Amino acid sequence: MKQYYTYIMASKRNGTLYIGVTNDLIRRVYEHKNELIDGFTKKYKVKILVHFEILNEISEAIAREKRLKKWNRQWKIELIEKDNHEWKDLYEELTK
């Protein structure tokens, strides 16, 4: 079964946030970290994976991404800190 991911990246604790969706989280975060794609994350140095969710359907992942993007900033911060209160880079755990 294919998996899809909705994820949140940050520039630093309480910094600039980016919300995205992908079918390959490790590859996508690598691209953000290494500034391989021009755009928002490269411009604002958003390189820390602070939250992700695994979904089974691409339609669910896209819908979740859209909902999260509409949330106010405080709700996004609370979501991150619920499971990652220190804002650790979760990418390191994924690539072990």
Protein backbone atom coordinates (compact mmCIF):
# COMPACT_ATOMS: atom_id res chain seq x y z
CA MET A 1 0.00 0.00 0.00
CA LYS A 2 1.33 3.40 -0.97
CA GLN A 3 1.79 6.03 1.73
CA TYR A 4 1.49 9.79 1.49
CA TYR A 5 2.72 12.42 3.88
CA THR A 6 1.56 15.82 5.00
CA TYR A 7 4.45 17.60 6.65
CA ILE A 8 5.52 20.83 8.34
CA MET A 9 8.99 22.31 7.96
CA ALA A 10 10.37 25.24 9.97
CA SER A 11 13.27 27.66 9.66
CA LYS A 12 13.82 27.48 13.45
CA ARG A 13 11.74 27.12 16.60
CA ASN A 14 8.73 29.43 16.19
CA GLY A 15 10.16 30.55 12.84
CA THR A 16 8.79 30.47 9.33
CA LEU A 17 6.59 27.43 8.64
CA TYR A 18 5.94 25.53 5.43
CA ILE A 19 3.28 22.87 4.92
CA GLY A 20 3.53 20.36 2.09
CA VAL A 21 2.44 16.96 0.83
CA THR A 22 4.50 14.21 -0.79
CA ASN A 23 4.67 10.49 -1.48
CA ASP A 24 8.39 10.33 -0.57
CA LEU A 25 9.09 12.23 2.63
CA ILE A 26 12.82 11.51 2.85
CA ARG A 27 13.45 12.65 -0.72
CA ARG A 28 11.30 15.75 -0.37
CA VAL A 29 12.86 16.90 2.90
CA TYR A 30 16.31 16.28 1.40
CA GLU A 31 15.36 18.60 -1.46
CA HIS A 32 14.27 21.30 1.00
CA LYS A 33 17.40 20.92 3.14
CA ASN A 34 19.73 21.13 0.17
CA GLU A 35 17.84 23.95 -1.57
CA LEU A 36 17.39 21.86 -4.72
CA ILE A 37 14.07 23.48 -5.61
CA ASP A 38 13.61 27.23 -5.97
CA GLY A 39 10.75 28.67 -4.01
CA PHE A 40 9.47 29.47 -0.55
CA THR A 41 11.57 27.05 1.49
CA LYS A 42 14.78 28.05 -0.27
CA LYS A 43 14.05 31.78 0.06
CA TYR A 44 13.22 31.56 3.79
CA LYS A 45 15.77 28.82 4.74
CA VAL A 46 13.06 26.41 5.90
CA LYS A 47 15.04 23.21 6.52
CA ILE A 48 13.82 21.53 9.72
CA LEU A 49 11.18 18.77 9.54
CA VAL A 50 9.12 19.35 12.69
CA HIS A 51 5.90 17.39 12.02
CA PHE A 52 4.54 14.82 9.60
CA GLU A 53 1.48 12.64 9.22
CA ILE A 54 1.14 9.43 7.22
CA LEU A 55 -2.00 8.93 5.13
CA ASN A 56 -3.07 6.09 2.84
CA GLU A 57 -4.80 8.09 0.12
CA ILE A 58 -3.39 11.03 -1.83
CA SER A 59 -6.79 12.74 -1.65
CA GLU A 60 -6.66 12.54 2.17
CA ALA A 61 -3.12 13.95 2.25
CA ILE A 62 -4.01 16.85 -0.03
CA ALA A 63 -7.17 17.61 1.97
CA ARG A 64 -5.18 17.57 5.23
CA GLU A 65 -2.54 19.88 3.72
CA LYS A 66 -5.23 22.34 2.65
CA ARG A 67 -6.86 22.27 6.11
CA LEU A 68 -3.53 22.83 7.88
CA LYS A 69 -2.68 25.76 5.61
CA LYS A 70 -5.94 27.45 6.69
CA TRP A 71 -5.16 27.04 10.40
CA ASN A 72 -3.95 30.03 12.34
CA ARG A 73 -0.30 30.06 13.35
CA GLN A 74 -0.93 29.21 17.00
CA TRP A 75 -2.83 26.03 16.09
CA LYS A 76 0.07 24.96 13.86
CA ILE A 77 2.56 25.57 16.67
CA GLU A 78 0.39 23.59 19.10
CA LEU A 79 0.21 20.70 16.61
CA ILE A 80 4.01 20.66 16.29
CA GLU A 81 4.61 20.90 20.03
CA LYS A 82 2.08 18.18 20.85
CA ASP A 83 4.54 15.50 19.70
CA ASN A 84 7.73 17.51 19.15
CA HIS A 85 7.89 20.08 21.94
CA GLU A 86 11.63 20.66 21.39
CA TRP A 87 11.23 21.21 17.63
CA LYS A 88 13.76 18.46 16.87
CA ASP A 89 14.58 17.78 13.24
CA LEU A 90 12.60 14.58 12.59
CA TYR A 91 14.49 13.98 9.34
CA GLU A 92 17.46 12.64 11.29
CA GLU A 93 15.27 9.91 12.83
CA LEU A 94 13.82 8.98 9.42
CA THR A 95 17.24 8.46 7.88
CA LYS A 96 18.78 6.30 10.62
